[in-house]
Amino acid sequence: EEIAADMTSTKKSAHAWGARNRIEFDADKEHVLILHPRHGEGELVKLLGCTIDAKLTMSPAVDQLVARVRPKVKALLRTRGMYSHADMMMQYKTHIWGLIEYRNGAIFHACETVLAKLHRVQTSFLEEIHSNDETGFLYYNFAPPVLRRDIGILGFLHKRVLGIGHPALAQFLPFSPLGSHWHNKQLDSHLDSCTILHALHERSIFGMVHVYNRLHQSLIDIPTVSEFQTELTRMARARCRRGDPEWKWSFHSRAQICLTRR
């Protein structure tokens, strides 16, 4: 109640400032929202095209995304008699991956059961064209969503380490003062600041900091993000080729699986 009252007071102050400066605010874009994993309150809001719920479960965002891409996948499958496996997967990459991965940064911290809805879309597509994750990845570079998400976030962290991202990233993800035998560019995961909801911390980008901090020095020294992600993909592919059942989670923070030397 105190938080809501404080925000309402701030809202009135903003409106008063607007009245003095002849500025009108759009009521449809005003929301009183308390973000908290347990005690969040407020309606759904849209930020940069992604729906955000007050408790940050991201379930509404994933549901909306699945509802948008499923008709496109069905339409694509109607043409499977006219195209090869390679062409079908290329069409999927062109028309589906962009819609999904645009929101990867926002939905990354969602729990496995929520993200599984997206995974099933791609898995069912592969089953419909009589293929599977291993074949798609090894022969068509058609990686599973979980692997692409993890490599994408690691690429984001590498971008910060290279110093080519927004300057605010340096404050958000500072270098750790603690040394390590893994490599010399350790990032601070803010684990000391996490007193509750450790599972959420582990699912977030801070959990991926632990994975990044355990990569081999040769990976950290790669000078570009694209080459860095290409090398991670190559490592996961080698693991898949060997028949490792956990290759999809090669860089997954929740499973605490990390390839370091291959």
Protein backbone atom coordinates (compact mmCIF):
# COMPACT_ATOMS: atom_id res chain seq x y z
CA GLU A 1 0.00 0.00 0.00
CA GLU A 2 2.83 2.39 0.85
CA ILE A 3 4.55 1.72 -2.47
CA ALA A 4 1.33 2.24 -4.43
CA ALA A 5 0.59 5.44 -2.52
CA ASP A 6 4.08 6.77 -3.17
CA MET A 7 3.83 6.03 -6.90
CA THR A 8 0.40 7.66 -7.06
CA SER A 9 1.83 10.76 -5.41
CA THR A 10 4.68 10.81 -7.93
CA LYS A 11 2.18 10.42 -10.75
CA LYS A 12 0.21 13.45 -9.50
CA SER A 13 3.41 15.48 -9.29
CA ALA A 14 4.28 14.54 -12.86
CA HIS A 15 0.81 15.57 -14.03
CA ALA A 16 1.12 18.87 -12.18
CA TRP A 17 4.47 19.49 -13.87
CA GLY A 18 2.86 18.65 -17.21
CA ALA A 19 0.01 21.08 -16.61
CA ARG A 20 2.47 23.88 -15.87
CA ASN A 21 4.40 23.13 -19.05
CA ARG A 22 1.36 22.46 -21.27
CA ILE A 23 2.15 18.75 -21.61
CA GLU A 24 -0.50 16.03 -21.59
CA PHE A 25 0.24 12.44 -20.66
CA ASP A 26 -1.35 9.47 -22.42
CA ALA A 27 -3.49 7.72 -19.81
CA ASP A 28 -3.31 4.43 -21.72
CA LYS A 29 0.45 4.37 -21.15
CA GLU A 30 0.33 5.03 -17.42
CA HIS A 31 0.58 2.04 -15.12
CA VAL A 32 1.10 1.57 -11.41
CA LEU A 33 3.14 -1.60 -11.30
CA ILE A 34 5.03 -3.26 -8.45
CA LEU A 35 7.59 -5.74 -9.76
CA HIS A 36 8.36 -8.59 -7.38
CA PRO A 37 8.60 -12.38 -7.91
CA ARG A 38 6.21 -13.04 -5.03
CA HIS A 39 4.37 -9.83 -4.20
CA GLY A 40 4.12 -8.20 -7.60
CA GLU A 41 0.93 -6.26 -8.36
CA GLY A 42 -0.41 -4.59 -11.46
CA GLU A 43 -1.61 -5.25 -14.98
CA LEU A 44 0.43 -6.54 -17.87
CA VAL A 45 2.56 -3.92 -19.60
CA LYS A 46 4.43 -3.96 -22.88
CA LEU A 47 8.06 -2.83 -22.97
CA LEU A 48 9.94 -2.76 -26.29
CA GLY A 49 7.45 -5.18 -27.77
CA CYS A 50 7.60 -7.73 -24.94
CA THR A 51 4.82 -8.26 -22.40
CA ILE A 52 5.94 -7.96 -18.78
CA ASP A 53 3.91 -9.32 -15.85
CA ALA A 54 4.22 -7.97 -12.31
CA LYS A 55 5.72 -11.17 -10.90
CA LEU A 56 8.20 -11.49 -13.79
CA THR A 57 7.20 -15.05 -14.60
CA MET A 58 7.19 -14.09 -18.32
CA SER A 59 4.49 -16.69 -18.87
CA PRO A 60 2.14 -14.23 -20.63
CA ALA A 61 4.98 -13.14 -22.92
CA VAL A 62 5.80 -16.73 -23.85
CA ASP A 63 2.12 -17.61 -24.35
CA GLN A 64 1.66 -14.66 -26.69
CA LEU A 65 4.80 -15.56 -28.57
CA VAL A 66 3.77 -19.19 -28.99
CA ALA A 67 0.33 -18.09 -30.20
CA ARG A 68 2.02 -15.87 -32.79
CA VAL A 69 4.55 -18.35 -34.17
CA ARG A 70 2.43 -21.51 -34.22
CA PRO A 71 0.28 -20.40 -37.19
CA LYS A 72 3.46 -19.50 -39.07
CA VAL A 73 4.93 -22.93 -38.37
CA LYS A 74 1.73 -24.63 -39.54
CA ALA A 75 1.73 -22.56 -42.72
CA LEU A 76 5.36 -23.48 -43.30
CA LEU A 77 4.66 -27.19 -42.80
CA ARG A 78 2.02 -27.10 -45.54
CA THR A 79 4.85 -26.53 -48.02
CA ARG A 80 7.06 -29.43 -46.83
CA GLY A 81 6.24 -31.50 -49.90
CA MET A 82 7.91 -28.90 -52.09
CA TYR A 83 11.15 -28.36 -50.17
CA SER A 84 14.07 -30.36 -48.81
CA HIS A 85 14.95 -30.58 -45.11
CA ALA A 86 17.64 -27.94 -45.58
CA ASP A 87 15.18 -25.55 -47.26
CA MET A 88 12.51 -26.12 -44.59
CA MET A 89 14.97 -25.37 -41.81
CA MET A 90 16.19 -22.29 -43.62
CA GLN A 91 12.60 -21.08 -43.93
CA TYR A 92 12.12 -21.68 -40.19
CA LYS A 93 15.27 -19.71 -39.40
CA THR A 94 14.10 -16.86 -41.62
CA HIS A 95 10.49 -16.55 -40.45
CA ILE A 96 10.44 -17.97 -36.89
CA TRP A 97 13.78 -17.51 -35.19
CA GLY A 98 13.74 -13.73 -35.49
CA LEU A 99 10.35 -13.46 -33.76
CA ILE A 100 11.45 -15.68 -30.90
CA GLU A 101 14.96 -14.44 -30.33
CA TYR A 102 13.96 -10.79 -30.32
CA ARG A 103 12.59 -11.49 -26.82
CA ASN A 104 15.36 -13.77 -25.56
CA GLY A 105 16.83 -11.18 -23.22
CA ALA A 106 13.45 -10.60 -21.58
CA ILE A 107 12.30 -14.20 -21.19
CA PHE A 108 15.71 -15.66 -20.33
CA HIS A 109 15.03 -15.81 -16.58
CA ALA A 110 11.69 -17.64 -16.98
CA CYS A 111 11.48 -21.11 -15.44
CA GLU A 112 11.95 -24.26 -17.47
CA THR A 113 8.26 -25.14 -17.59
CA VAL A 114 7.43 -21.77 -19.17
CA LEU A 115 10.24 -21.92 -21.73
CA ALA A 116 9.34 -25.53 -22.57
CA LYS A 117 6.35 -24.19 -24.53
CA LEU A 118 8.75 -22.54 -26.98
CA HIS A 119 10.96 -25.60 -27.12
CA ARG A 120 7.99 -27.76 -28.12
CA VAL A 121 7.26 -25.53 -31.12
CA GLN A 122 10.66 -26.25 -32.67
CA THR A 123 10.70 -29.91 -31.57
CA SER A 124 7.31 -30.58 -33.14
CA PHE A 125 8.44 -28.84 -36.34
CA LEU A 126 11.44 -31.18 -36.59
CA GLU A 127 9.24 -34.20 -35.92
CA GLU A 128 6.85 -33.15 -38.69
CA ILE A 129 9.70 -33.10 -41.23
CA HIS A 130 11.03 -36.42 -39.85
CA SER A 131 14.14 -34.98 -38.24
CA ASN A 132 15.44 -34.37 -34.71
CA ASP A 133 17.60 -31.98 -32.71
CA GLU A 134 20.84 -33.87 -33.31
CA THR A 135 20.45 -34.11 -37.09
CA GLY A 136 19.30 -30.51 -37.39
CA PHE A 137 22.24 -29.23 -35.38
CA LEU A 138 24.99 -31.37 -36.90
CA TYR A 139 24.04 -31.07 -40.55
CA TYR A 140 21.98 -27.86 -40.84
CA ASN A 141 23.26 -25.68 -37.97
CA PHE A 142 19.71 -25.78 -36.56
CA ALA A 143 20.46 -25.44 -32.85
CA PRO A 144 17.84 -26.00 -30.12
CA PRO A 145 16.37 -22.85 -28.51
CA VAL A 146 18.02 -23.45 -25.13
CA LEU A 147 21.49 -23.64 -26.68
CA ARG A 148 20.95 -20.57 -28.86
CA ARG A 149 19.70 -18.59 -25.84
CA ASP A 150 22.69 -19.54 -23.72
CA ILE A 151 25.19 -18.75 -26.47
CA GLY A 152 23.39 -15.47 -27.16
CA ILE A 153 23.64 -14.35 -23.52
CA LEU A 154 27.27 -15.42 -23.32
CA GLY A 155 27.89 -13.34 -26.44
CA PHE A 156 26.29 -10.39 -24.66
CA LEU A 157 28.64 -10.87 -21.70
CA HIS A 158 31.60 -11.13 -24.03
CA LYS A 159 30.53 -7.89 -25.67
CA ARG A 160 30.70 -6.22 -22.28
CA VAL A 161 34.16 -7.69 -21.60
CA LEU A 162 35.39 -6.42 -24.96
CA GLY A 163 34.12 -2.96 -24.04
CA ILE A 164 32.01 -2.52 -27.17
CA GLY A 165 28.61 -2.38 -25.47
CA HIS A 166 26.73 0.46 -23.81
CA PRO A 167 28.82 2.19 -21.11
CA ALA A 168 26.13 1.34 -18.52
CA LEU A 169 27.05 -2.34 -18.90
CA ALA A 170 30.38 -1.66 -17.21
CA GLN A 171 28.49 -0.49 -14.11
CA PHE A 172 25.86 -3.22 -14.32
CA LEU A 173 28.46 -5.99 -14.82
CA PRO A 174 31.74 -4.82 -13.29
CA PHE A 175 34.87 -6.93 -13.28
CA SER A 176 35.34 -9.02 -10.17
CA PRO A 177 38.26 -8.08 -7.89
CA LEU A 178 38.73 -11.75 -7.06
CA GLY A 179 41.23 -13.73 -9.06
CA SER A 180 40.56 -17.08 -10.71
CA HIS A 181 42.49 -19.88 -12.36
CA TRP A 182 39.96 -19.97 -15.20
CA HIS A 183 40.73 -16.66 -16.91
CA ASN A 184 41.78 -13.09 -16.14
CA LYS A 185 38.53 -11.24 -16.98
CA GLN A 186 36.16 -12.43 -14.30
CA LEU A 187 32.83 -10.61 -13.99
CA ASP A 188 30.99 -9.91 -10.74
CA SER A 189 27.84 -12.02 -10.50
CA HIS A 190 26.47 -10.01 -7.51
CA LEU A 191 26.01 -13.31 -5.70
CA ASP A 192 26.91 -11.69 -2.37
CA SER A 193 23.95 -9.32 -2.81
CA CYS A 194 21.48 -12.17 -3.36
CA THR A 195 19.86 -13.05 -0.03
CA ILE A 196 16.65 -14.71 -1.27
CA LEU A 197 15.26 -16.28 -4.45
CA HIS A 198 18.58 -17.88 -5.37
CA ALA A 199 16.91 -19.99 -8.07
CA LEU A 200 15.80 -16.81 -9.86
CA HIS A 201 19.32 -15.41 -9.57
CA GLU A 202 20.70 -18.60 -11.08
CA ARG A 203 18.24 -18.44 -13.99
CA SER A 204 19.08 -14.83 -14.77
CA ILE A 205 21.99 -13.28 -16.63
CA PHE A 206 23.91 -13.33 -13.33
CA GLY A 207 23.77 -17.11 -13.38
CA MET A 208 25.30 -17.00 -16.85
CA VAL A 209 28.12 -14.88 -15.40
CA HIS A 210 29.17 -18.00 -13.45
CA VAL A 211 29.32 -19.91 -16.73
CA TYR A 212 31.28 -17.14 -18.46
CA ASN A 213 33.73 -16.99 -15.56
CA ARG A 214 34.52 -20.68 -16.04
CA LEU A 215 35.31 -20.54 -19.74
CA HIS A 216 38.88 -21.14 -20.85
CA GLN A 217 41.24 -18.22 -21.35
CA SER A 218 41.54 -18.98 -25.08
CA LEU A 219 37.80 -18.28 -25.49
CA ILE A 220 37.92 -15.03 -23.53
CA ASP A 221 40.80 -13.80 -25.70
CA ILE A 222 38.73 -14.07 -28.90
CA PRO A 223 38.54 -10.47 -30.23
CA THR A 224 35.00 -10.48 -31.69
CA VAL A 225 31.58 -11.60 -30.46
CA SER A 226 30.76 -13.51 -33.67
CA GLU A 227 33.97 -15.55 -33.51
CA PHE A 228 33.38 -16.19 -29.81
CA GLN A 229 29.86 -17.52 -30.43
CA THR A 230 31.06 -19.55 -33.40
CA GLU A 231 33.61 -21.27 -31.20
CA LEU A 232 30.99 -22.01 -28.54
CA THR A 233 28.77 -23.52 -31.24
CA ARG A 234 31.67 -25.62 -32.50
CA MET A 235 32.28 -26.94 -28.98
CA ALA A 236 28.62 -27.87 -28.51
CA ARG A 237 28.59 -29.55 -31.92
CA ALA A 238 31.63 -31.65 -30.99
CA ARG A 239 29.84 -32.71 -27.84
CA CYS A 240 26.72 -33.61 -29.81
CA ARG A 241 28.78 -35.59 -32.32
CA ARG A 242 30.25 -37.67 -29.48
CA GLY A 243 26.72 -38.59 -28.37
CA ASP A 244 26.77 -36.68 -25.08
CA PRO A 245 23.13 -36.63 -23.87
CA GLU A 246 23.61 -33.19 -22.26
CA TRP A 247 25.01 -31.36 -25.29
CA LYS A 248 21.99 -29.04 -25.46
CA TRP A 249 22.87 -27.69 -22.02
CA SER A 250 26.57 -27.27 -22.70
CA PHE A 251 26.52 -23.69 -21.41
CA HIS A 252 23.45 -23.84 -19.22
CA SER A 253 23.74 -22.15 -15.83
CA ARG A 254 20.91 -24.06 -14.20
CA ALA A 255 22.44 -27.42 -14.96
CA GLN A 256 25.90 -26.09 -14.04
CA ILE A 257 27.31 -27.61 -17.21
CA CYS A 258 30.11 -25.73 -18.88
CA LEU A 259 32.56 -26.77 -21.57
CA THR A 260 35.97 -25.30 -20.88
CA ARG A 261 38.53 -27.23 -22.85
CA ARG A 262 37.77 -29.08 -26.07
